All heavy atoms as atom14 arrays in JSON, in Angstrom:
{
  "sequence": "GMLVDFVNVGQGDCTILKIPSFGEDDFFAVVDAGPSQASATVVS",
  "atom14_mask": [
    [1, 1, 1, 1, 0, 0, 0, 0, 0, 0, 0, 0, 0, 0],
    [1, 1, 1, 1, 1, 1, 1, 1, 0, 0, 0, 0, 0, 0],
    [1, 1, 1, 1, 1, 1, 1, 1, 0, 0, 0, 0, 0, 0],
    [1, 1, 1, 1, 1, 1, 1, 0, 0, 0, 0, 0, 0, 0],
    [1, 1, 1, 1, 1, 1, 1, 1, 0, 0, 0, 0, 0, 0],
    [1, 1, 1, 1, 1, 1, 1, 1, 1, 1, 1, 0, 0, 0],
    [1, 1, 1, 1, 1, 1, 1, 0, 0, 0, 0, 0, 0, 0],
    [1, 1, 1, 1, 1, 1, 1, 1, 0, 0, 0, 0, 0, 0],
    [1, 1, 1, 1, 1, 1, 1, 0, 0, 0, 0, 0, 0, 0],
    [1, 1, 1, 1, 0, 0, 0, 0, 0, 0, 0, 0, 0, 0],
    [1, 1, 1, 1, 1, 1, 1, 1, 1, 0, 0, 0, 0, 0],
    [1, 1, 1, 1, 0, 0, 0, 0, 0, 0, 0, 0, 0, 0],
    [1, 1, 1, 1, 1, 1, 1, 1, 0, 0, 0, 0, 0, 0],
    [1, 1, 1, 1, 1, 1, 0, 0, 0, 0, 0, 0, 0, 0],
    [1, 1, 1, 1, 1, 1, 1, 0, 0, 0, 0, 0, 0, 0],
    [1, 1, 1, 1, 1, 1, 1, 1, 0, 0, 0, 0, 0, 0],
    [1, 1, 1, 1, 1, 1, 1, 1, 0, 0, 0, 0, 0, 0],
    [1, 1, 1, 1, 1, 1, 1, 1, 1, 0, 0, 0, 0, 0],
    [1, 1, 1, 1, 1, 1, 1, 1, 0, 0, 0, 0, 0, 0],
    [1, 1, 1, 1, 1, 1, 1, 0, 0, 0, 0, 0, 0, 0],
    [1, 1, 1, 1, 1, 1, 0, 0, 0, 0, 0, 0, 0, 0],
    [1, 1, 1, 1, 1, 1, 1, 1, 1, 1, 1, 0, 0, 0],
    [1, 1, 1, 1, 0, 0, 0, 0, 0, 0, 0, 0, 0, 0],
    [1, 1, 1, 1, 1, 1, 1, 1, 1, 0, 0, 0, 0, 0],
    [1, 1, 1, 1, 1, 1, 1, 1, 0, 0, 0, 0, 0, 0],
    [1, 1, 1, 1, 1, 1, 1, 1, 0, 0, 0, 0, 0, 0],
    [1, 1, 1, 1, 1, 1, 1, 1, 1, 1, 1, 0, 0, 0],
    [1, 1, 1, 1, 1, 1, 1, 1, 1, 1, 1, 0, 0, 0],
    [1, 1, 1, 1, 1, 0, 0, 0, 0, 0, 0, 0, 0, 0],
    [1, 1, 1, 1, 1, 1, 1, 0, 0, 0, 0, 0, 0, 0],
    [1, 1, 1, 1, 1, 1, 1, 0, 0, 0, 0, 0, 0, 0],
    [1, 1, 1, 1, 1, 1, 1, 1, 0, 0, 0, 0, 0, 0],
    [1, 1, 1, 1, 1, 0, 0, 0, 0, 0, 0, 0, 0, 0],
    [1, 1, 1, 1, 0, 0, 0, 0, 0, 0, 0, 0, 0, 0],
    [1, 1, 1, 1, 1, 1, 1, 0, 0, 0, 0, 0, 0, 0],
    [1, 1, 1, 1, 1, 1, 0, 0, 0, 0, 0, 0, 0, 0],
    [1, 1, 1, 1, 1, 1, 1, 1, 1, 0, 0, 0, 0, 0],
    [1, 1, 1, 1, 1, 0, 0, 0, 0, 0, 0, 0, 0, 0],
    [1, 1, 1, 1, 1, 1, 0, 0, 0, 0, 0, 0, 0, 0],
    [1, 1, 1, 1, 1, 0, 0, 0, 0, 0, 0, 0, 0, 0],
    [1, 1, 1, 1, 1, 1, 1, 0, 0, 0, 0, 0, 0, 0],
    [1, 1, 1, 1, 1, 1, 1, 0, 0, 0, 0, 0, 0, 0],
    [1, 1, 1, 1, 1, 1, 1, 0, 0, 0, 0, 0, 0, 0],
    [1, 1, 1, 1, 1, 1, 0, 0, 0, 0, 0, 0, 0, 0]
  ],
  "atom14_positions": [
    [[6.1, -14.28, 3.87], [5.57, -13.56, 5.02], [5.24, -12.11, 4.72], [4.52, -11.48, 5.46], [0.0, 0.0, 0.0], [0.0, 0.0, 0.0], [0.0, 0.0, 0.0], [0.0, 0.0, 0.0], [0.0, 0.0, 0.0], [0.0, 0.0, 0.0], [0.0, 0.0, 0.0], [0.0, 0.0, 0.0], [0.0, 0.0, 0.0], [0.0, 0.0, 0.0]],
    [[5.79, -11.57, 3.62], [5.5, -10.19, 3.24], [4.29, -10.18, 2.32], [4.16, -11.02, 1.43], [6.7, -9.58, 2.51], [6.42, -8.17, 2.02], [7.87, -7.34, 1.33], [8.2, -8.33, -0.11], [0.0, 0.0, 0.0], [0.0, 0.0, 0.0], [0.0, 0.0, 0.0], [0.0, 0.0, 0.0], [0.0, 0.0, 0.0], [0.0, 0.0, 0.0]],
    [[3.38, -9.25, 2.55], [2.21, -9.1, 1.7], [2.45, -7.94, 0.74], [2.88, -6.87, 1.18], [0.97, -8.83, 2.56], [-0.31, -8.7, 1.75], [-1.35, -9.64, 2.31], [-0.79, -7.28, 1.8], [0.0, 0.0, 0.0], [0.0, 0.0, 0.0], [0.0, 0.0, 0.0], [0.0, 0.0, 0.0], [0.0, 0.0, 0.0], [0.0, 0.0, 0.0]],
    [[2.21, -8.17, -0.54], [2.36, -7.14, -1.56], [0.99, -6.91, -2.18], [0.37, -7.86, -2.66], [3.37, -7.56, -2.64], [3.52, -6.48, -3.71], [4.73, -7.88, -2.02], [0.0, 0.0, 0.0], [0.0, 0.0, 0.0], [0.0, 0.0, 0.0], [0.0, 0.0, 0.0], [0.0, 0.0, 0.0], [0.0, 0.0, 0.0], [0.0, 0.0, 0.0]],
    [[0.53, -5.67, -2.18], [-0.8, -5.34, -2.69], [-0.66, -4.26, -3.75], [-0.3, -3.12, -3.44], [-1.68, -4.86, -1.53], [-3.14, -4.69, -1.92], [-3.5, -4.91, -3.09], [-3.92, -4.32, -1.03], [0.0, 0.0, 0.0], [0.0, 0.0, 0.0], [0.0, 0.0, 0.0], [0.0, 0.0, 0.0], [0.0, 0.0, 0.0], [0.0, 0.0, 0.0]],
    [[-0.9, -4.63, -5.02], [-0.89, -3.66, -6.11], [-2.29, -3.07, -6.19], [-3.23, -3.74, -6.59], [-0.5, -4.33, -7.43], [0.87, -4.94, -7.4], [1.04, -6.28, -7.14], [1.99, -4.16, -7.62], [2.3, -6.85, -7.1], [3.25, -4.71, -7.58], [3.42, -6.07, -7.33], [0.0, 0.0, 0.0], [0.0, 0.0, 0.0], [0.0, 0.0, 0.0]],
    [[-2.44, -1.84, -5.76], [-3.76, -1.2, -5.64], [-4.17, -0.63, -6.99], [-3.4, 0.11, -7.63], [-3.73, -0.1, -4.56], [-5.12, 0.51, -4.4], [-3.23, -0.66, -3.24], [0.0, 0.0, 0.0], [0.0, 0.0, 0.0], [0.0, 0.0, 0.0], [0.0, 0.0, 0.0], [0.0, 0.0, 0.0], [0.0, 0.0, 0.0], [0.0, 0.0, 0.0]],
    [[-5.38, -0.94, -7.43], [-5.9, -0.42, -8.68], [-6.31, 1.04, -8.48], [-7.36, 1.32, -7.91], [-7.09, -1.26, -9.16], [-7.62, -0.79, -10.49], [-7.16, 0.21, -11.07], [-8.6, -1.5, -11.01], [0.0, 0.0, 0.0], [0.0, 0.0, 0.0], [0.0, 0.0, 0.0], [0.0, 0.0, 0.0], [0.0, 0.0, 0.0], [0.0, 0.0, 0.0]],
    [[-5.46, 1.94, -8.96], [-5.73, 3.38, -8.82], [-6.0, 4.03, -10.18], [-6.0, 5.24, -10.3], [-4.56, 4.11, -8.11], [-4.44, 3.65, -6.66], [-3.25, 3.94, -8.86], [0.0, 0.0, 0.0], [0.0, 0.0, 0.0], [0.0, 0.0, 0.0], [0.0, 0.0, 0.0], [0.0, 0.0, 0.0], [0.0, 0.0, 0.0], [0.0, 0.0, 0.0]],
    [[-6.23, 3.2, -11.21], [-6.43, 3.76, -12.55], [-5.1, 4.22, -13.11], [-4.1, 3.51, -13.01], [0.0, 0.0, 0.0], [0.0, 0.0, 0.0], [0.0, 0.0, 0.0], [0.0, 0.0, 0.0], [0.0, 0.0, 0.0], [0.0, 0.0, 0.0], [0.0, 0.0, 0.0], [0.0, 0.0, 0.0], [0.0, 0.0, 0.0], [0.0, 0.0, 0.0]],
    [[-5.07, 5.41, -13.68], [-3.83, 5.96, -14.22], [-2.92, 6.36, -13.07], [-3.21, 7.3, -12.35], [-4.12, 7.19, -15.1], [-2.9, 7.96, -15.55], [-1.98, 7.15, -16.44], [-2.44, 6.41, -17.29], [-0.68, 7.28, -16.23], [0.0, 0.0, 0.0], [0.0, 0.0, 0.0], [0.0, 0.0, 0.0], [0.0, 0.0, 0.0], [0.0, 0.0, 0.0]],
    [[-1.83, 5.63, -12.88], [-0.9, 5.91, -11.8], [-0.47, 4.63, -11.14], [-0.73, 3.54, -11.65], [0.0, 0.0, 0.0], [0.0, 0.0, 0.0], [0.0, 0.0, 0.0], [0.0, 0.0, 0.0], [0.0, 0.0, 0.0], [0.0, 0.0, 0.0], [0.0, 0.0, 0.0], [0.0, 0.0, 0.0], [0.0, 0.0, 0.0], [0.0, 0.0, 0.0]],
    [[0.19, 4.76, -10.02], [0.72, 3.6, -9.32], [0.49, 3.7, -7.83], [0.51, 4.79, -7.25], [2.24, 3.48, -9.54], [2.58, 2.99, -10.92], [2.01, 1.96, -11.34], [3.41, 3.63, -11.58], [0.0, 0.0, 0.0], [0.0, 0.0, 0.0], [0.0, 0.0, 0.0], [0.0, 0.0, 0.0], [0.0, 0.0, 0.0], [0.0, 0.0, 0.0]],
    [[0.32, 2.53, -7.2], [0.3, 2.42, -5.75], [0.51, 0.96, -5.38], [-0.23, 0.09, -5.84], [-1.02, 2.91, -5.16], [-1.07, 2.72, -3.35], [0.0, 0.0, 0.0], [0.0, 0.0, 0.0], [0.0, 0.0, 0.0], [0.0, 0.0, 0.0], [0.0, 0.0, 0.0], [0.0, 0.0, 0.0], [0.0, 0.0, 0.0], [0.0, 0.0, 0.0]],
    [[1.54, 0.73, -4.57], [1.8, -0.61, -4.06], [1.93, -0.51, -2.55], [2.61, 0.39, -2.04], [3.11, -1.18, -4.65], [3.01, -1.17, -6.07], [3.36, -2.6, -4.16], [0.0, 0.0, 0.0], [0.0, 0.0, 0.0], [0.0, 0.0, 0.0], [0.0, 0.0, 0.0], [0.0, 0.0, 0.0], [0.0, 0.0, 0.0], [0.0, 0.0, 0.0]],
    [[1.26, -1.41, -1.84], [1.35, -1.45, -0.38], [2.13, -2.7, 0.0], [1.85, -3.79, -0.5], [-0.05, -1.48, 0.26], [-0.84, -0.21, -0.1], [0.06, -1.66, 1.78], [-2.31, -0.25, 0.3], [0.0, 0.0, 0.0], [0.0, 0.0, 0.0], [0.0, 0.0, 0.0], [0.0, 0.0, 0.0], [0.0, 0.0, 0.0], [0.0, 0.0, 0.0]],
    [[3.11, -2.52, 0.87], [3.87, -3.64, 1.41], [3.59, -3.73, 2.9], [3.7, -2.75, 3.63], [5.37, -3.42, 1.2], [5.82, -3.2, -0.23], [7.28, -2.79, -0.28], [5.6, -4.45, -1.05], [0.0, 0.0, 0.0], [0.0, 0.0, 0.0], [0.0, 0.0, 0.0], [0.0, 0.0, 0.0], [0.0, 0.0, 0.0], [0.0, 0.0, 0.0]],
    [[3.2, -4.94, 3.33], [2.99, -5.22, 4.75], [4.05, -6.25, 5.13], [4.02, -7.39, 4.65], [1.58, -5.77, 4.98], [1.26, -6.07, 6.43], [-0.18, -6.59, 6.56], [-0.53, -6.93, 7.99], [-1.91, -7.44, 8.1], [0.0, 0.0, 0.0], [0.0, 0.0, 0.0], [0.0, 0.0, 0.0], [0.0, 0.0, 0.0], [0.0, 0.0, 0.0]],
    [[5.01, -5.81, 5.94], [6.18, -6.63, 6.25], [6.15, -7.0, 7.73], [6.1, -6.12, 8.6], [7.48, -5.85, 5.92], [7.46, -5.4, 4.46], [8.71, -6.69, 6.24], [8.51, -4.39, 4.11], [0.0, 0.0, 0.0], [0.0, 0.0, 0.0], [0.0, 0.0, 0.0], [0.0, 0.0, 0.0], [0.0, 0.0, 0.0], [0.0, 0.0, 0.0]],
    [[6.19, -8.31, 8.02], [6.2, -8.72, 9.43], [7.46, -8.21, 10.13], [8.54, -8.18, 9.55], [6.22, -10.24, 9.37], [5.98, -10.63, 7.96], [6.26, -9.45, 7.11], [0.0, 0.0, 0.0], [0.0, 0.0, 0.0], [0.0, 0.0, 0.0], [0.0, 0.0, 0.0], [0.0, 0.0, 0.0], [0.0, 0.0, 0.0], [0.0, 0.0, 0.0]],
    [[7.3, -7.77, 11.35], [8.43, -7.36, 12.19], [8.3, -8.15, 13.49], [7.36, -7.93, 14.25], [8.38, -5.86, 12.48], [8.62, -5.13, 11.31], [0.0, 0.0, 0.0], [0.0, 0.0, 0.0], [0.0, 0.0, 0.0], [0.0, 0.0, 0.0], [0.0, 0.0, 0.0], [0.0, 0.0, 0.0], [0.0, 0.0, 0.0], [0.0, 0.0, 0.0]],
    [[9.22, -9.04, 13.72], [9.13, -9.92, 14.88], [9.16, -9.1, 16.16], [10.03, -8.27, 16.37], [10.25, -10.95, 14.85], [10.15, -11.85, 13.66], [11.03, -11.74, 12.61], [9.12, -12.78, 13.57], [10.91, -12.56, 11.5], [8.99, -13.59, 12.46], [9.89, -13.47, 11.42], [0.0, 0.0, 0.0], [0.0, 0.0, 0.0], [0.0, 0.0, 0.0]],
    [[8.16, -9.33, 17.03], [8.08, -8.66, 18.31], [7.48, -7.26, 18.24], [7.4, -6.58, 19.23], [0.0, 0.0, 0.0], [0.0, 0.0, 0.0], [0.0, 0.0, 0.0], [0.0, 0.0, 0.0], [0.0, 0.0, 0.0], [0.0, 0.0, 0.0], [0.0, 0.0, 0.0], [0.0, 0.0, 0.0], [0.0, 0.0, 0.0], [0.0, 0.0, 0.0]],
    [[7.09, -6.82, 17.03], [6.53, -5.48, 16.87], [5.33, -5.54, 15.93], [5.03, -6.59, 15.37], [7.59, -4.55, 16.25], [8.84, -4.38, 17.09], [9.88, -3.52, 16.4], [9.52, -2.75, 15.5], [11.05, -3.63, 16.76], [0.0, 0.0, 0.0], [0.0, 0.0, 0.0], [0.0, 0.0, 0.0], [0.0, 0.0, 0.0], [0.0, 0.0, 0.0]],
    [[4.67, -4.4, 15.76], [3.59, -4.33, 14.78], [4.17, -4.51, 13.39], [5.35, -4.26, 13.15], [2.89, -2.96, 14.86], [2.08, -2.8, 16.13], [1.7, -3.82, 16.74], [1.84, -1.64, 16.53], [0.0, 0.0, 0.0], [0.0, 0.0, 0.0], [0.0, 0.0, 0.0], [0.0, 0.0, 0.0], [0.0, 0.0, 0.0], [0.0, 0.0, 0.0]],
    [[3.33, -4.92, 12.44], [3.77, -5.03, 11.07], [4.26, -3.69, 10.55], [3.79, -2.63, 10.97], [2.63, -5.53, 10.17], [2.27, -6.98, 10.45], [3.15, -7.75, 10.85], [1.09, -7.32, 10.27], [0.0, 0.0, 0.0], [0.0, 0.0, 0.0], [0.0, 0.0, 0.0], [0.0, 0.0, 0.0], [0.0, 0.0, 0.0], [0.0, 0.0, 0.0]],
    [[5.2, -3.73, 9.64], [5.78, -2.54, 9.01], [5.02, -2.3, 7.72], [4.87, -3.21, 6.9], [7.26, -2.81, 8.72], [8.02, -1.62, 8.2], [8.8, -0.86, 9.05], [7.97, -1.27, 6.86], [9.52, 0.22, 8.59], [8.67, -0.19, 6.38], [9.46, 0.56, 7.25], [0.0, 0.0, 0.0], [0.0, 0.0, 0.0], [0.0, 0.0, 0.0]],
    [[4.51, -1.08, 7.53], [3.77, -0.74, 6.32], [4.55, 0.27, 5.5], [4.97, 1.31, 6.01], [2.39, -0.15, 6.66], [1.36, -1.19, 6.97], [1.21, -1.67, 8.27], [0.55, -1.71, 5.97], [0.27, -2.63, 8.57], [-0.4, -2.68, 6.26], [-0.55, -3.14, 7.56], [0.0, 0.0, 0.0], [0.0, 0.0, 0.0], [0.0, 0.0, 0.0]],
    [[4.71, -0.05, 4.21], [5.3, 0.88, 3.26], [4.3, 1.08, 2.12], [3.68, 0.11, 1.66], [6.61, 0.34, 2.71], [0.0, 0.0, 0.0], [0.0, 0.0, 0.0], [0.0, 0.0, 0.0], [0.0, 0.0, 0.0], [0.0, 0.0, 0.0], [0.0, 0.0, 0.0], [0.0, 0.0, 0.0], [0.0, 0.0, 0.0], [0.0, 0.0, 0.0]],
    [[4.14, 2.31, 1.71], [3.3, 2.63, 0.56], [4.23, 3.2, -0.5], [4.9, 4.2, -0.26], [2.2, 3.66, 0.93], [1.39, 4.05, -0.31], [1.3, 3.12, 2.02], [0.0, 0.0, 0.0], [0.0, 0.0, 0.0], [0.0, 0.0, 0.0], [0.0, 0.0, 0.0], [0.0, 0.0, 0.0], [0.0, 0.0, 0.0], [0.0, 0.0, 0.0]],
    [[4.29, 2.52, -1.65], [5.14, 2.97, -2.75], [4.24, 3.62, -3.78], [3.47, 2.96, -4.47], [5.94, 1.82, -3.35], [6.84, 2.32, -4.49], [6.77, 1.12, -2.28], [0.0, 0.0, 0.0], [0.0, 0.0, 0.0], [0.0, 0.0, 0.0], [0.0, 0.0, 0.0], [0.0, 0.0, 0.0], [0.0, 0.0, 0.0], [0.0, 0.0, 0.0]],
    [[4.3, 4.94, -3.83], [3.43, 5.8, -4.63], [2.0, 5.7, -4.1], [1.62, 4.68, -3.52], [3.5, 5.51, -6.12], [4.83, 5.96, -6.72], [5.44, 6.91, -6.2], [5.26, 5.37, -7.73], [0.0, 0.0, 0.0], [0.0, 0.0, 0.0], [0.0, 0.0, 0.0], [0.0, 0.0, 0.0], [0.0, 0.0, 0.0], [0.0, 0.0, 0.0]],
    [[1.25, 6.75, -4.26], [-0.08, 6.82, -3.66], [-1.18, 7.09, -4.68], [-2.28, 7.47, -4.31], [-0.1, 7.88, -2.56], [0.0, 0.0, 0.0], [0.0, 0.0, 0.0], [0.0, 0.0, 0.0], [0.0, 0.0, 0.0], [0.0, 0.0, 0.0], [0.0, 0.0, 0.0], [0.0, 0.0, 0.0], [0.0, 0.0, 0.0], [0.0, 0.0, 0.0]],
    [[-0.86, 6.91, -5.95], [-1.86, 7.09, -6.99], [-2.29, 8.54, -7.13], [-1.82, 9.43, -6.41], [0.0, 0.0, 0.0], [0.0, 0.0, 0.0], [0.0, 0.0, 0.0], [0.0, 0.0, 0.0], [0.0, 0.0, 0.0], [0.0, 0.0, 0.0], [0.0, 0.0, 0.0], [0.0, 0.0, 0.0], [0.0, 0.0, 0.0], [0.0, 0.0, 0.0]],
    [[-3.23, 8.8, -8.04], [-3.76, 10.16, -8.23], [-4.74, 10.51, -7.11], [-5.24, 9.63, -6.41], [-4.46, 10.07, -9.58], [-4.88, 8.64, -9.69], [-3.81, 7.84, -8.98], [0.0, 0.0, 0.0], [0.0, 0.0, 0.0], [0.0, 0.0, 0.0], [0.0, 0.0, 0.0], [0.0, 0.0, 0.0], [0.0, 0.0, 0.0], [0.0, 0.0, 0.0]],
    [[-5.02, 11.78, -6.96], [-5.89, 12.23, -5.86], [-7.27, 11.58, -5.91], [-7.83, 11.26, -4.87], [-6.02, 13.75, -5.87], [-6.57, 14.2, -7.09], [0.0, 0.0, 0.0], [0.0, 0.0, 0.0], [0.0, 0.0, 0.0], [0.0, 0.0, 0.0], [0.0, 0.0, 0.0], [0.0, 0.0, 0.0], [0.0, 0.0, 0.0], [0.0, 0.0, 0.0]],
    [[-7.81, 11.35, -7.11], [-9.15, 10.75, -7.2], [-9.19, 9.3, -6.72], [-10.26, 8.76, -6.49], [-9.75, 10.9, -8.6], [-8.96, 10.27, -9.71], [-7.97, 11.23, -10.36], [-7.43, 12.11, -9.72], [-7.74, 11.03, -11.65], [0.0, 0.0, 0.0], [0.0, 0.0, 0.0], [0.0, 0.0, 0.0], [0.0, 0.0, 0.0], [0.0, 0.0, 0.0]],
    [[-8.04, 8.67, -6.52], [-8.0, 7.3, -6.03], [-7.6, 7.22, -4.56], [-7.46, 6.14, -4.01], [-7.03, 6.47, -6.87], [0.0, 0.0, 0.0], [0.0, 0.0, 0.0], [0.0, 0.0, 0.0], [0.0, 0.0, 0.0], [0.0, 0.0, 0.0], [0.0, 0.0, 0.0], [0.0, 0.0, 0.0], [0.0, 0.0, 0.0], [0.0, 0.0, 0.0]],
    [[-7.44, 8.37, -3.9], [-6.93, 8.36, -2.53], [-7.85, 7.62, -1.57], [-7.38, 6.93, -0.66], [-6.66, 9.78, -2.03], [-7.85, 10.53, -1.99], [0.0, 0.0, 0.0], [0.0, 0.0, 0.0], [0.0, 0.0, 0.0], [0.0, 0.0, 0.0], [0.0, 0.0, 0.0], [0.0, 0.0, 0.0], [0.0, 0.0, 0.0], [0.0, 0.0, 0.0]],
    [[-9.15, 7.69, -1.76], [-10.07, 6.95, -0.88], [-9.86, 5.45, -1.01], [-9.93, 4.72, -0.01], [-11.52, 7.31, -1.19], [0.0, 0.0, 0.0], [0.0, 0.0, 0.0], [0.0, 0.0, 0.0], [0.0, 0.0, 0.0], [0.0, 0.0, 0.0], [0.0, 0.0, 0.0], [0.0, 0.0, 0.0], [0.0, 0.0, 0.0], [0.0, 0.0, 0.0]],
    [[-9.56, 4.99, -2.21], [-9.28, 3.57, -2.43], [-8.02, 3.15, -1.69], [-7.98, 2.1, -1.04], [-9.14, 3.28, -3.94], [-10.34, 3.64, -4.59], [-8.81, 1.83, -4.21], [0.0, 0.0, 0.0], [0.0, 0.0, 0.0], [0.0, 0.0, 0.0], [0.0, 0.0, 0.0], [0.0, 0.0, 0.0], [0.0, 0.0, 0.0], [0.0, 0.0, 0.0]],
    [[-6.97, 3.97, -1.77], [-5.7, 3.67, -1.11], [-5.89, 3.63, 0.41], [-5.46, 2.69, 1.08], [-4.61, 4.68, -1.52], [-3.33, 4.44, -0.73], [-4.35, 4.61, -3.02], [0.0, 0.0, 0.0], [0.0, 0.0, 0.0], [0.0, 0.0, 0.0], [0.0, 0.0, 0.0], [0.0, 0.0, 0.0], [0.0, 0.0, 0.0], [0.0, 0.0, 0.0]],
    [[-6.56, 4.63, 0.95], [-6.8, 4.69, 2.39], [-7.64, 3.5, 2.85], [-7.34, 2.85, 3.85], [-7.46, 6.03, 2.79], [-7.98, 6.0, 4.21], [-6.47, 7.18, 2.59], [0.0, 0.0, 0.0], [0.0, 0.0, 0.0], [0.0, 0.0, 0.0], [0.0, 0.0, 0.0], [0.0, 0.0, 0.0], [0.0, 0.0, 0.0], [0.0, 0.0, 0.0]],
    [[-8.68, 3.17, 2.1], [-9.54, 2.03, 2.43], [-8.74, 0.72, 2.41], [-8.91, -0.13, 3.29], [-10.7, 1.96, 1.44], [-11.48, 0.82, 1.66], [0.0, 0.0, 0.0], [0.0, 0.0, 0.0], [0.0, 0.0, 0.0], [0.0, 0.0, 0.0], [0.0, 0.0, 0.0], [0.0, 0.0, 0.0], [0.0, 0.0, 0.0], [0.0, 0.0, 0.0]]
  ]
}
C-alpha cells in the first residue's frame, strides 16, 4: 500500500514515500531533495 518513488535527480538523492493513512489524506515524506538543479523534477 505504500508507494516508493526513487526520483532521478542526477548526482544526489531523492526518495518520495506516499503512505496511506486510513480516514485521512495520504502521508507524504520526501527523503532528501536532490541538488538545486533537480528541484523542478522533484516538485513535478
